Amino acid sequence: AIAGYAILGTFGGYVLTSILLLNCPTILHKKKKRNFACAHISHRGGVKVPTITCLAFSSIFCFVLGAAERTENTLTAFHHAVKTGTQLLELDVHLTKDKKVVVAHDADLTRVTGVDAKISEYDYEDLPPLLDDLGVTFCPSETYHNDGPEERIPLLDKIFEEFPNIPINIDVKAQDDELIMKTFDLVKQYKREKLTIWGNFKDENCQKLYKLDPSIPLLFSMRRVFLLYVWFYTGLLPFIPLKESYFEIAYPGMLKKMKLKSLSPTVNRLLVLVEFFLRSKILISHLKARGIPVGFIFMFSSNLQTYFWVLNDEEDFKGAFELGAEGVMTDHPTKLKIWLD
C-alpha cells in the first residue's frame, strides 16, 4: 500500500509539474528571441504557391510562395511577393555541377524546364530556361502562364543581393555537405544570420546546419516533429530543451481535403486521427510562450510564431489564424493580403 501511494504521489507530482511548466515554460526554459515575425509568407515567390508576408523582427510571420501569381522561384516572383507585402520569402536550394547554389524546389529539371536531367548535371550558365507554363504544386488544377521575358533559375546570392532586408526561409534540400557549407558561406558573406531561417525535413541536414551556427534559427525536422508530439502527449515536453526556433507542421484543416477515393478507408481514418492530434491550441500556446513560432503547412506528396503553410482559400486562412498561427504561406499573396487587410 505504501509503495502504491508513493507511486501515485510521484505520478501526481509529475502531472502537476508538467501542467505548471506547460503553462509557464519560462520557469525552466529561457524564452527564445526572434529577429522578425511574419503573417504573410510567399511560397517560392508567388508562383501559384501559398504566400505569406513577414514583418521584419516583429510578431507576425509569413511565408511568401506566390507560385500561383508568378513563375515559382524566380526573381520576378520574389519581387512581386515583396511588392504585395510579403514579410518572409520561402525558397529551396540545390547545387549545380560548377558548385553554384541555385534556388529551385526540384533537383530534377523535368517539371520546370521540360528537360529530363538533374540540376547537378549542368554548370549554372548552361541550365535550361524555365517553361512558360507551370502547374502550381498545391493547386493541381491551376497553371501559371508567363507572358513576359524568359525566366531562368536564379542564384541564391542574387536573391540575397536583391532583398538584403527581407527574411528568408531556406530549405536545404539535398543531403550534400558541400551544399550545406556553401549555403552557410553565402549567409555569412551577406551577413544574413539574423535574417535567415533554415532546415529540412531530414534530421541529418538539420543537425549539420545547427552545428555550423546555433544562432541561426532552425526548423524542426520530421523526426523532431514526431518526437515533439510524443513528448507533448506524454507530458515530457515542458521538461525538454529545444534547439529549434521555428515549428512547421501540416495544417489540420487541409487533412480533410486529402481524403481521396484512391486512398483506403483505413488511411482516411488515420488522417482524421492525425488531424485530431495536430489540432492542439495548448501545444501552440506552449511553443509561443517558449518563443518558438508554429507554422502549419500542407504537403500532400511573446516569441513563438505559428505558420500555416501553403494555404490558398479564405476559409483556411481564417482557420489557421483561429488556431493561433502567426503566419500563413500561400500561392496567392494578393488574395492573402486582401484578406489580412
Protein backbone atom coordinates (compact mmCIF):
# COMPACT_ATOMS: atom_id res chain seq x y z
CA ALA A 1 0.00 0.00 0.00
CA ILE A 2 2.80 2.38 0.90
CA ALA A 3 4.53 1.68 -2.40
CA GLY A 4 1.26 2.30 -4.21
CA TYR A 5 0.79 5.66 -2.50
CA ALA A 6 4.40 6.56 -3.29
CA ILE A 7 3.93 5.74 -6.96
CA LEU A 8 0.64 7.63 -7.05
CA GLY A 9 2.22 10.62 -5.31
CA THR A 10 5.18 10.63 -7.67
CA PHE A 11 2.93 10.40 -10.70
CA GLY A 12 0.67 13.13 -9.35
CA GLY A 13 3.66 15.37 -8.74
CA TYR A 14 4.88 14.72 -12.28
CA VAL A 15 1.49 15.59 -13.76
CA LEU A 16 1.13 18.79 -11.72
CA THR A 17 4.68 19.90 -12.51
CA SER A 18 4.16 19.13 -16.20
CA ILE A 19 0.95 21.18 -16.27
CA LEU A 20 2.65 24.07 -14.48
CA LEU A 21 5.60 24.12 -16.87
CA LEU A 22 3.32 23.63 -19.86
CA ASN A 23 1.60 26.90 -18.99
CA CYS A 24 4.66 28.68 -17.61
CA PRO A 25 7.64 27.23 -19.53
CA THR A 26 9.93 30.17 -18.81
CA ILE A 27 10.27 28.88 -15.25
CA LEU A 28 12.61 26.26 -16.69
CA HIS A 29 13.49 27.49 -20.19
CA LYS A 30 14.77 30.86 -21.35
CA LYS A 31 12.39 32.31 -23.91
CA LYS A 32 13.89 32.34 -27.38
CA LYS A 33 14.47 35.70 -29.02
CA ARG A 34 13.26 36.05 -32.56
CA ASN A 35 14.61 38.53 -35.05
CA PHE A 36 11.44 39.01 -37.06
CA ALA A 37 7.81 37.96 -37.32
CA CYS A 38 5.50 37.43 -40.28
CA ALA A 39 1.86 36.93 -41.13
CA HIS A 40 2.25 36.93 -44.89
CA ILE A 41 4.65 34.37 -46.36
CA SER A 42 5.29 33.77 -50.05
CA HIS A 43 5.97 30.21 -51.15
CA ARG A 44 8.59 30.09 -53.91
CA GLY A 45 7.96 33.77 -54.52
CA GLY A 46 4.34 33.67 -55.59
CA VAL A 47 4.23 31.02 -58.24
CA LYS A 48 0.81 29.61 -57.57
CA VAL A 49 2.14 28.52 -54.25
CA PRO A 50 1.00 29.90 -50.87
CA THR A 51 2.39 33.28 -49.97
CA ILE A 52 2.93 34.71 -46.55
CA THR A 53 4.32 38.08 -45.55
CA CYS A 54 6.85 38.54 -42.82
CA LEU A 55 7.03 41.71 -40.71
CA ALA A 56 10.71 42.11 -40.04
CA PHE A 57 11.52 41.32 -36.46
CA SER A 58 8.02 41.71 -35.05
CA SER A 59 5.31 39.25 -34.10
CA ILE A 60 3.69 38.12 -37.31
CA PHE A 61 5.38 35.63 -39.62
CA CYS A 62 4.56 34.87 -43.20
CA PHE A 63 5.99 32.71 -45.94
CA VAL A 64 5.92 34.00 -49.47
CA LEU A 65 5.19 31.42 -52.08
CA GLY A 66 3.10 33.15 -54.69
CA ALA A 67 3.60 30.39 -57.19
CA ALA A 68 0.12 30.97 -58.49
CA GLU A 69 0.84 34.57 -59.48
CA ARG A 70 4.35 34.40 -60.95
CA THR A 71 6.75 31.70 -62.15
CA GLU A 72 7.94 29.97 -58.99
CA ASN A 73 11.38 30.57 -57.52
CA THR A 74 12.30 33.43 -59.84
CA LEU A 75 13.40 37.00 -59.18
CA THR A 76 10.15 38.15 -60.80
CA ALA A 77 8.12 36.07 -58.34
CA PHE A 78 10.06 37.26 -55.30
CA HIS A 79 9.83 40.93 -56.35
CA HIS A 80 6.08 40.51 -56.85
CA ALA A 81 5.72 38.90 -53.43
CA VAL A 82 7.64 41.68 -51.67
CA LYS A 83 5.68 44.34 -53.55
CA THR A 84 2.46 42.63 -52.46
CA GLY A 85 3.56 42.87 -48.85
CA THR A 86 5.23 39.57 -48.10
CA GLN A 87 7.26 39.58 -44.95
CA LEU A 88 9.15 36.34 -45.46
CA LEU A 89 10.35 34.55 -48.58
CA GLU A 90 10.45 30.75 -48.68
CA LEU A 91 12.78 29.00 -51.10
CA ASP A 92 14.73 25.79 -51.71
CA VAL A 93 18.36 25.41 -52.77
CA HIS A 94 20.42 22.95 -54.82
CA LEU A 95 23.97 22.79 -56.16
CA THR A 96 24.98 22.91 -59.84
CA LYS A 97 27.83 20.98 -61.45
CA ASP A 98 30.11 24.03 -61.10
CA LYS A 99 29.14 24.33 -57.41
CA LYS A 100 26.79 27.29 -57.61
CA VAL A 101 23.94 27.46 -55.09
CA VAL A 102 20.71 27.92 -57.04
CA VAL A 103 17.10 28.47 -56.00
CA ALA A 104 14.89 25.60 -57.14
CA HIS A 105 12.43 23.24 -55.50
CA ASP A 106 13.20 20.11 -57.52
CA ALA A 107 16.60 18.51 -58.03
CA ASP A 108 15.21 17.26 -61.34
CA LEU A 109 14.65 19.78 -64.14
CA THR A 110 11.81 17.97 -65.90
CA ARG A 111 8.84 19.70 -64.24
CA VAL A 112 10.11 23.26 -64.57
CA THR A 113 12.15 23.14 -67.79
CA GLY A 114 10.93 20.09 -69.69
CA VAL A 115 14.49 18.74 -69.78
CA ASP A 116 14.98 15.27 -68.30
CA ALA A 117 18.11 15.97 -66.29
CA LYS A 118 19.38 16.98 -62.85
CA ILE A 119 20.49 20.44 -61.77
CA SER A 120 23.75 18.86 -60.60
CA GLU A 121 24.48 17.76 -64.19
CA TYR A 122 24.72 21.33 -65.53
CA ASP A 123 27.03 24.27 -64.99
CA TYR A 124 24.96 27.26 -63.95
CA GLU A 125 25.29 29.14 -67.23
CA ASP A 126 24.12 26.06 -69.15
CA LEU A 127 20.91 25.47 -67.18
CA PRO A 128 17.86 25.44 -69.50
CA PRO A 129 15.26 28.24 -69.20
CA LEU A 130 12.05 27.68 -67.26
CA LEU A 131 8.85 26.68 -69.05
CA ASP A 132 6.32 29.42 -69.74
CA ASP A 133 3.52 27.24 -68.34
CA LEU A 134 3.99 25.76 -64.89
CA GLY A 135 1.48 23.93 -62.72
CA VAL A 136 1.01 25.09 -59.14
CA THR A 137 2.15 22.40 -56.72
CA PHE A 138 -0.53 22.97 -54.12
CA CYS A 139 -3.24 23.88 -56.62
CA PRO A 140 -3.23 20.95 -59.07
CA SER A 141 -5.96 22.49 -61.23
CA GLU A 142 -4.06 25.77 -61.69
CA THR A 143 -1.31 26.70 -64.13
CA TYR A 144 0.69 29.90 -64.27
CA HIS A 145 1.49 31.23 -67.75
CA ASN A 146 4.42 33.58 -68.19
CA ASP A 147 3.82 36.25 -70.84
CA GLY A 148 6.98 38.15 -70.00
CA PRO A 149 10.68 37.65 -70.71
CA GLU A 150 12.24 34.20 -70.47
CA GLU A 151 12.74 33.15 -66.85
CA ARG A 152 15.78 31.31 -65.52
CA ILE A 153 16.72 29.58 -62.29
CA PRO A 154 18.32 32.25 -60.05
CA LEU A 155 21.42 32.10 -57.89
CA LEU A 156 20.95 32.31 -54.14
CA ASP A 157 23.46 35.14 -53.85
CA LYS A 158 21.42 37.14 -56.38
CA ILE A 159 18.35 36.74 -54.16
CA PHE A 160 20.39 37.96 -51.19
CA GLU A 161 21.57 40.99 -53.20
CA GLU A 162 18.07 41.89 -54.38
CA PHE A 163 16.41 41.52 -50.96
CA PRO A 164 19.03 42.49 -48.34
CA ASN A 165 16.47 43.24 -45.62
CA ILE A 166 13.83 40.57 -46.24
CA PRO A 167 13.90 37.45 -44.01
CA ILE A 168 14.27 34.22 -45.97
CA ASN A 169 13.33 30.65 -45.06
CA ILE A 170 15.85 28.32 -46.74
CA ASP A 171 15.10 24.64 -47.26
CA VAL A 172 18.41 22.87 -47.89
CA LYS A 173 17.01 20.03 -49.96
CA ALA A 174 19.85 17.62 -50.65
CA GLN A 175 21.92 15.67 -48.14
CA ASP A 176 25.03 17.28 -49.52
CA ASP A 177 27.72 18.62 -47.18
CA GLU A 178 29.07 20.92 -49.89
CA LEU A 179 25.63 22.44 -50.49
CA ILE A 180 25.21 22.99 -46.76
CA MET A 181 28.62 24.64 -46.41
CA LYS A 182 28.25 26.85 -49.49
CA THR A 183 24.80 27.98 -48.35
CA PHE A 184 26.27 28.81 -44.95
CA ASP A 185 29.15 30.72 -46.55
CA LEU A 186 26.66 32.86 -48.50
CA VAL A 187 24.59 33.54 -45.40
CA LYS A 188 27.75 34.76 -43.64
CA GLN A 189 29.03 36.69 -46.67
CA TYR A 190 25.81 38.70 -46.89
CA LYS A 191 25.52 38.98 -43.09
CA ARG A 192 22.12 37.31 -43.05
CA GLU A 193 22.50 35.27 -39.86
CA LYS A 194 19.64 37.21 -38.26
CA LEU A 195 17.53 37.23 -41.41
CA THR A 196 17.64 33.51 -42.11
CA ILE A 197 15.58 30.51 -41.04
CA TRP A 198 16.87 27.21 -42.35
CA GLY A 199 16.36 23.48 -42.12
CA ASN A 200 14.99 20.45 -43.90
CA PHE A 201 12.68 17.51 -43.26
CA LYS A 202 15.76 15.31 -42.95
CA ASP A 203 17.11 15.32 -39.40
CA GLU A 204 20.69 14.77 -40.58
CA ASN A 205 20.62 18.04 -42.53
CA CYS A 206 19.18 19.96 -39.58
CA GLN A 207 21.85 18.63 -37.24
CA LYS A 208 24.61 19.73 -39.61
CA LEU A 209 23.08 23.17 -40.08
CA TYR A 210 22.76 23.66 -36.32
CA LYS A 211 26.39 22.68 -35.71
CA LEU A 212 27.58 25.29 -38.23
CA ASP A 213 25.90 28.13 -36.34
CA PRO A 214 23.45 27.51 -33.46
CA SER A 215 22.44 31.19 -33.55
CA ILE A 216 20.71 30.85 -36.93
CA PRO A 217 17.04 29.90 -36.37
CA LEU A 218 16.47 26.23 -37.15
CA LEU A 219 13.34 24.42 -38.36
CA PHE A 220 12.14 21.14 -36.88
CA SER A 221 12.95 18.05 -38.94
CA MET A 222 10.24 15.43 -39.47
CA ARG A 223 11.84 13.23 -36.82
CA ARG A 224 11.84 16.07 -34.31
CA VAL A 225 8.23 16.95 -35.15
CA PHE A 226 7.23 13.38 -34.33
CA LEU A 227 9.21 13.46 -31.09
CA LEU A 228 7.70 16.81 -30.14
CA TYR A 229 4.19 15.37 -30.30
CA VAL A 230 5.24 12.28 -28.35
CA TRP A 231 6.74 14.49 -25.66
CA PHE A 232 3.67 16.72 -25.61
CA TYR A 233 1.12 13.94 -25.20
CA THR A 234 3.22 12.15 -22.57
CA GLY A 235 3.76 15.32 -20.56
CA LEU A 236 7.52 15.38 -21.12
CA LEU A 237 7.71 18.39 -23.44
CA PRO A 238 7.79 21.06 -20.69
CA PHE A 239 10.97 19.48 -19.30
CA ILE A 240 12.85 19.14 -22.61
CA PRO A 241 15.06 21.91 -24.07
CA LEU A 242 14.50 22.61 -27.77
CA LYS A 243 17.27 23.79 -30.10
CA GLU A 244 14.82 24.60 -32.90
CA SER A 245 13.34 28.08 -33.28
CA TYR A 246 10.51 27.51 -35.79
CA PHE A 247 7.90 24.77 -35.97
CA GLU A 248 6.13 23.98 -39.25
CA ILE A 249 3.57 21.18 -39.46
CA ALA A 250 0.61 20.16 -41.57
CA TYR A 251 -2.43 22.42 -41.17
CA PRO A 252 -5.16 20.17 -39.70
CA GLY A 253 -7.91 21.61 -41.90
CA MET A 254 -6.06 20.55 -45.03
CA LEU A 255 -6.07 16.90 -44.00
CA LYS A 256 -9.81 16.76 -44.59
CA LYS A 257 -9.18 17.76 -48.18
CA MET A 258 -6.73 14.91 -48.54
CA LYS A 259 -9.44 12.29 -48.11
CA LEU A 260 -9.37 10.75 -51.54
CA LYS A 261 -11.29 7.88 -53.05
CA SER A 262 -7.97 6.47 -54.15
CA LEU A 263 -6.99 6.02 -50.51
CA SER A 264 -8.24 3.14 -48.42
CA PRO A 265 -10.82 3.76 -45.65
CA THR A 266 -8.12 2.85 -43.14
CA VAL A 267 -5.77 5.55 -44.43
CA ASN A 268 -8.58 8.14 -44.45
CA ARG A 269 -9.47 7.23 -40.86
CA LEU A 270 -5.81 7.62 -39.97
CA LEU A 271 -5.85 11.13 -41.46
CA VAL A 272 -8.77 12.01 -39.19
CA LEU A 273 -6.80 10.72 -36.19
CA VAL A 274 -3.70 12.66 -37.22
CA GLU A 275 -5.79 15.81 -37.60
CA PHE A 276 -7.14 15.35 -34.07
CA PHE A 277 -3.67 15.16 -32.57
CA LEU A 278 -2.34 18.08 -34.64
CA ARG A 279 -5.16 20.41 -33.63
CA SER A 280 -3.90 21.49 -30.22
CA LYS A 281 -4.09 25.12 -29.17
CA ILE A 282 -2.38 24.14 -25.92
CA LEU A 283 0.73 22.99 -27.77
CA ILE A 284 0.75 26.12 -29.92
CA SER A 285 0.41 28.32 -26.83
CA HIS A 286 3.23 26.45 -25.10
CA LEU A 287 5.56 26.90 -28.05
CA LYS A 288 4.65 30.57 -28.33
CA ALA A 289 5.45 31.02 -24.67
CA ARG A 290 8.87 29.49 -25.32
CA GLY A 291 9.46 31.85 -28.24
CA ILE A 292 9.05 29.22 -30.95
CA PRO A 293 6.79 30.25 -33.85
CA VAL A 294 4.49 27.49 -35.10
CA GLY A 295 3.64 27.21 -38.76
CA PHE A 296 1.02 24.94 -40.25
CA ILE A 297 1.82 23.57 -43.67
CA PHE A 298 0.04 21.49 -46.25
CA MET A 299 2.15 18.90 -48.01
CA PHE A 300 0.49 16.16 -49.93
CA SER A 301 3.42 14.17 -51.92
CA SER A 302 5.75 36.54 -26.99
CA ASN A 303 8.48 34.99 -29.43
CA LEU A 304 6.91 31.92 -30.76
CA GLN A 305 5.33 32.15 -34.16
CA THR A 306 2.83 29.86 -35.76
CA TYR A 307 2.74 29.41 -39.53
CA PHE A 308 0.18 27.72 -41.70
CA TRP A 309 1.96 26.64 -44.87
CA VAL A 310 0.62 26.80 -48.39
CA LEU A 311 -3.00 27.73 -47.83
CA ASN A 312 -4.94 29.28 -50.69
CA ASP A 313 -8.55 29.64 -49.52
CA GLU A 314 -10.02 32.30 -47.23
CA GLU A 315 -11.62 29.55 -45.14
CA ASP A 316 -8.18 28.06 -44.50
CA PHE A 317 -6.66 31.49 -43.76
CA LYS A 318 -9.32 32.05 -41.10
CA GLY A 319 -8.97 28.56 -39.63
CA ALA A 320 -5.20 28.85 -39.37
CA PHE A 321 -5.23 32.14 -37.51
CA GLU A 322 -8.04 30.97 -35.23
CA LEU A 323 -5.85 28.04 -34.19
CA GLY A 324 -3.16 30.51 -33.21
CA ALA A 325 -0.98 30.79 -36.30
CA GLU A 326 1.09 33.91 -36.65
CA GLY A 327 1.68 33.41 -40.33
CA VAL A 328 0.30 31.75 -43.44
CA MET A 329 2.12 30.54 -46.53
CA THR A 330 0.25 30.83 -49.80
CA ASP A 331 0.49 30.62 -53.56
CA HIS A 332 -1.85 33.62 -53.74
CA PRO A 333 -0.08 36.52 -51.97
CA THR A 334 -2.54 39.09 -53.29
CA LYS A 335 -5.56 37.15 -52.01
CA LEU A 336 -3.94 36.74 -48.59
CA LYS A 337 -3.02 40.43 -48.41
CA ILE A 338 -6.61 41.45 -49.18
CA TRP A 339 -7.89 39.02 -46.53
CA LEU A 340 -5.40 40.30 -43.91
CA ASP A 341 -6.31 43.91 -44.65
